[in-house]
Every structure is written in structure tokens, then in C-alpha cells.
């Protein structure tokens, strides 16, 4: 789970790792909380 404005190197690292990528709007803690509670 990453902030939409994270540096490209962090996004690339996530993609290269094969992880399922989920992003949330920049500094939106409510959206982050929703993402975190949706994770099994």
C-alpha cells in the first residue's frame, strides 16, 4: 500500500517484487485506513 505521490523508485520496487500494489490519495489517512482494513 503506497501513497500515490511516492517516488518512482518505490513504485518500481513494488512492481519488481511481484507484490500486489494498492495506492491511496496523497496524505489521505482515511483512504489509507480503508485500504488497510480491506487487506485480508
Protein backbone atom coordinates (compact mmCIF):
# COMPACT_ATOMS: atom_id res chain seq x y z
CA UNK A 1 0.00 0.00 0.00
CA UNK A 2 1.61 3.22 -1.16
CA UNK A 3 0.87 6.93 -1.26
CA UNK A 4 0.14 7.99 -4.85
CA UNK A 5 2.97 10.52 -4.73
CA UNK A 6 5.68 8.09 -3.60
CA UNK A 7 8.93 8.32 -5.53
CA UNK A 8 9.08 6.26 -8.72
CA UNK A 9 11.83 4.07 -7.25
CA UNK A 10 9.41 2.85 -4.55
CA UNK A 11 6.76 2.11 -7.15
CA UNK A 12 9.29 0.26 -9.32
CA UNK A 13 10.49 -1.76 -6.33
CA UNK A 14 6.95 -2.84 -5.53
CA UNK A 15 6.26 -3.84 -9.12
CA UNK A 16 9.54 -5.72 -9.47
CA UNK A 17 8.89 -7.63 -6.25
CA UNK A 18 5.70 -9.08 -7.72
CA UNK A 19 3.62 -7.61 -4.90
CA UNK A 20 0.00 -6.63 -5.39
CA UNK A 21 0.13 -2.85 -5.49
CA UNK A 22 -2.54 -0.69 -3.90
CA UNK A 23 -2.32 3.10 -3.74
CA UNK A 24 -4.22 5.81 -1.90
CA UNK A 25 -4.51 9.57 -2.47
CA UNK A 26 -1.60 11.65 -1.17
CA UNK A 27 -1.74 12.11 2.62
CA UNK A 28 -5.35 10.86 2.79
CA UNK A 29 -5.29 8.94 6.07
CA UNK A 30 -8.97 7.97 5.80
CA UNK A 31 -8.31 6.33 2.42
CA UNK A 32 -5.24 4.60 3.84
CA UNK A 33 -7.33 3.25 6.73
CA UNK A 34 -9.90 1.89 4.27
CA UNK A 35 -7.11 0.17 2.30
CA UNK A 36 -5.64 -1.33 5.45
CA UNK A 37 -8.96 -2.70 6.67
CA UNK A 38 -9.67 -4.20 3.23
CA UNK A 39 -6.48 -6.31 3.34
CA UNK A 40 -7.05 -9.92 4.42
